[in-house]
Protein backbone atom coordinates (compact mmCIF):
# COMPACT_ATOMS: atom_id res chain seq x y z
CA UNK A 1 0.00 0.00 0.00
CA UNK A 2 1.43 3.38 -0.98
CA UNK A 3 1.85 6.20 1.54
CA UNK A 4 -1.20 8.08 0.26
CA UNK A 5 -3.31 4.92 0.42
CA UNK A 6 -2.28 4.41 4.06
CA UNK A 7 -3.35 7.94 4.90
CA UNK A 8 -6.68 7.54 3.13
CA UNK A 9 -7.28 4.25 4.95
CA UNK A 10 -6.31 5.72 8.35
CA UNK A 11 -8.47 8.83 7.90
CA UNK A 12 -11.39 6.63 6.83
CA UNK A 13 -10.95 4.40 9.88
CA UNK A 14 -10.80 7.38 12.24
CA UNK A 15 -13.79 9.08 10.63
CA UNK A 16 -15.82 5.87 10.91
CA UNK A 17 -14.89 5.57 14.59
CA UNK A 18 -15.81 9.22 15.20
CA UNK A 19 -19.21 8.65 13.58
CA UNK A 20 -19.71 5.37 15.47
CA UNK A 21 -19.21 7.28 18.70
CA UNK A 22 -21.70 9.90 17.55
CA UNK A 23 -19.15 12.72 17.76
CA UNK A 24 -19.51 15.90 15.73
CA UNK A 25 -16.54 17.46 13.95
CA UNK A 26 -16.39 20.06 16.71
CA UNK A 27 -16.39 17.46 19.50
CA UNK A 28 -13.48 15.63 17.86
CA UNK A 29 -11.58 18.88 17.22
CA UNK A 30 -12.03 19.98 20.83
CA UNK A 31 -10.88 16.62 22.21
CA UNK A 32 -7.79 16.56 19.97
CA UNK A 33 -6.86 20.15 20.85
CA UNK A 34 -7.16 19.31 24.55
CA UNK A 35 -5.03 16.16 24.13
CA UNK A 36 -2.32 18.14 22.31
CA UNK A 37 -2.64 21.14 24.65
CA UNK A 38 -3.15 23.36 21.60
CA UNK A 39 -5.83 25.59 23.03
CA UNK A 40 -8.16 25.33 20.04
CA UNK A 41 -8.54 23.38 16.84
CA UNK A 42 -11.31 24.68 14.64
CA UNK A 43 -14.04 22.51 13.21
CA UNK A 44 -12.95 23.70 9.74
CA UNK A 45 -9.29 22.74 10.27
CA UNK A 46 -10.27 19.32 11.61
CA UNK A 47 -12.69 18.77 8.71
CA UNK A 48 -9.87 19.50 6.26
CA UNK A 49 -7.67 16.92 8.03
CA UNK A 50 -10.43 14.33 7.96
CA UNK A 51 -11.04 14.92 4.25
CA UNK A 52 -7.33 14.84 3.43
CA UNK A 53 -7.31 18.43 2.17
CA UNK A 54 -4.48 19.26 4.58
CA UNK A 55 -1.81 17.00 6.04
CA UNK A 56 -1.54 16.23 9.74
CA UNK A 57 1.53 15.78 11.88
CA UNK A 58 2.09 12.35 13.38
CA UNK A 59 1.38 13.64 16.90
CA UNK A 60 -2.01 14.88 15.70
CA UNK A 61 -2.85 11.45 14.25
CA UNK A 62 -1.77 9.86 17.54
CA UNK A 63 -3.95 12.30 19.51
CA UNK A 64 -6.90 11.66 17.19
CA UNK A 65 -6.51 7.92 17.77
CA UNK A 66 -6.15 8.35 21.52
CA UNK A 67 -9.28 10.46 21.99
CA UNK A 68 -11.23 7.81 20.08
CA UNK A 69 -9.85 5.05 22.30
CA UNK A 70 -7.47 3.72 19.65
CA UNK A 71 -3.69 3.46 19.58
CA UNK A 72 -1.54 4.56 16.64
CA UNK A 73 1.40 2.24 15.99
CA UNK A 74 4.17 3.12 13.57
CA UNK A 75 6.86 0.74 12.36
CA UNK A 76 10.15 2.11 11.09
CA UNK A 77 12.28 -0.45 9.27
CA UNK A 78 15.33 -0.01 7.06
CA UNK A 79 14.50 0.53 3.39
CA UNK A 80 14.21 -2.75 1.53
CA UNK A 81 13.84 -4.82 4.68
CA UNK A 82 10.70 -6.86 5.08
CA UNK A 83 8.85 -6.84 8.34
CA UNK A 84 5.67 -8.39 9.62
CA UNK A 85 3.65 -7.02 12.48
CA UNK A 86 1.97 -9.65 14.63
CA UNK A 87 -0.11 -9.10 17.75
CA UNK A 88 0.83 -11.52 20.51
CA UNK A 89 -0.29 -11.90 24.10
CA UNK A 90 1.43 -9.35 26.37
CA UNK A 91 3.26 -12.07 28.31
CA UNK A 92 5.18 -13.03 25.14
CA UNK A 93 6.45 -9.52 24.41
CA UNK A 94 9.70 -9.90 26.36
CA UNK A 95 10.52 -13.20 24.69
CA UNK A 96 9.83 -11.74 21.26
CA UNK A 97 12.03 -8.72 21.95
CA UNK A 98 14.82 -11.01 23.14
CA UNK A 99 14.52 -13.09 19.96
CA UNK A 100 14.51 -10.01 17.73
CA UNK A 101 17.74 -8.71 19.28
CA UNK A 102 19.69 -11.97 18.86
CA UNK A 103 22.57 -12.06 16.42
CA UNK A 104 21.46 -13.42 13.03
CA UNK A 105 23.31 -16.73 13.55
CA UNK A 106 21.67 -17.23 16.96
CA UNK A 107 18.25 -16.39 15.54
CA UNK A 108 18.81 -19.02 12.86
CA UNK A 109 19.58 -21.65 15.53
CA UNK A 110 16.46 -20.80 17.54
CA UNK A 111 14.34 -20.77 14.38
CA UNK A 112 15.68 -24.21 13.43
CA UNK A 113 14.86 -25.57 16.88
CA UNK A 114 11.35 -24.19 16.72
CA UNK A 115 10.79 -25.67 13.27
CA UNK A 116 11.65 -29.14 14.66
CA UNK A 117 9.05 -28.97 17.44
CA UNK A 118 5.91 -30.99 16.92
CA UNK A 119 2.82 -28.89 16.64
């Protein structure tokens, strides 16, 4: 998915969640401004964000998500490197981080061991 497609998808998701909650444009703008400690965010400015007429900063997207009860997650990986995001139970997070930080040769050994386990 191209960058612009991601933004269109994200804005659509956030708009749908705003509407599901029954929030007006002004209610969303007020909540985001409060979250960012901006003082005010006009209904017009927020509407232009939601429609993609103006671009938002990442912190504004994160605040928009937060006020709707969502969490914005961003992955930054080196160009050309593949990555897969998988949601796991919280108790596995430490193990996964430990695996991800292993040297490539050690990761290969662990991966081989796992592949030999019966499922």
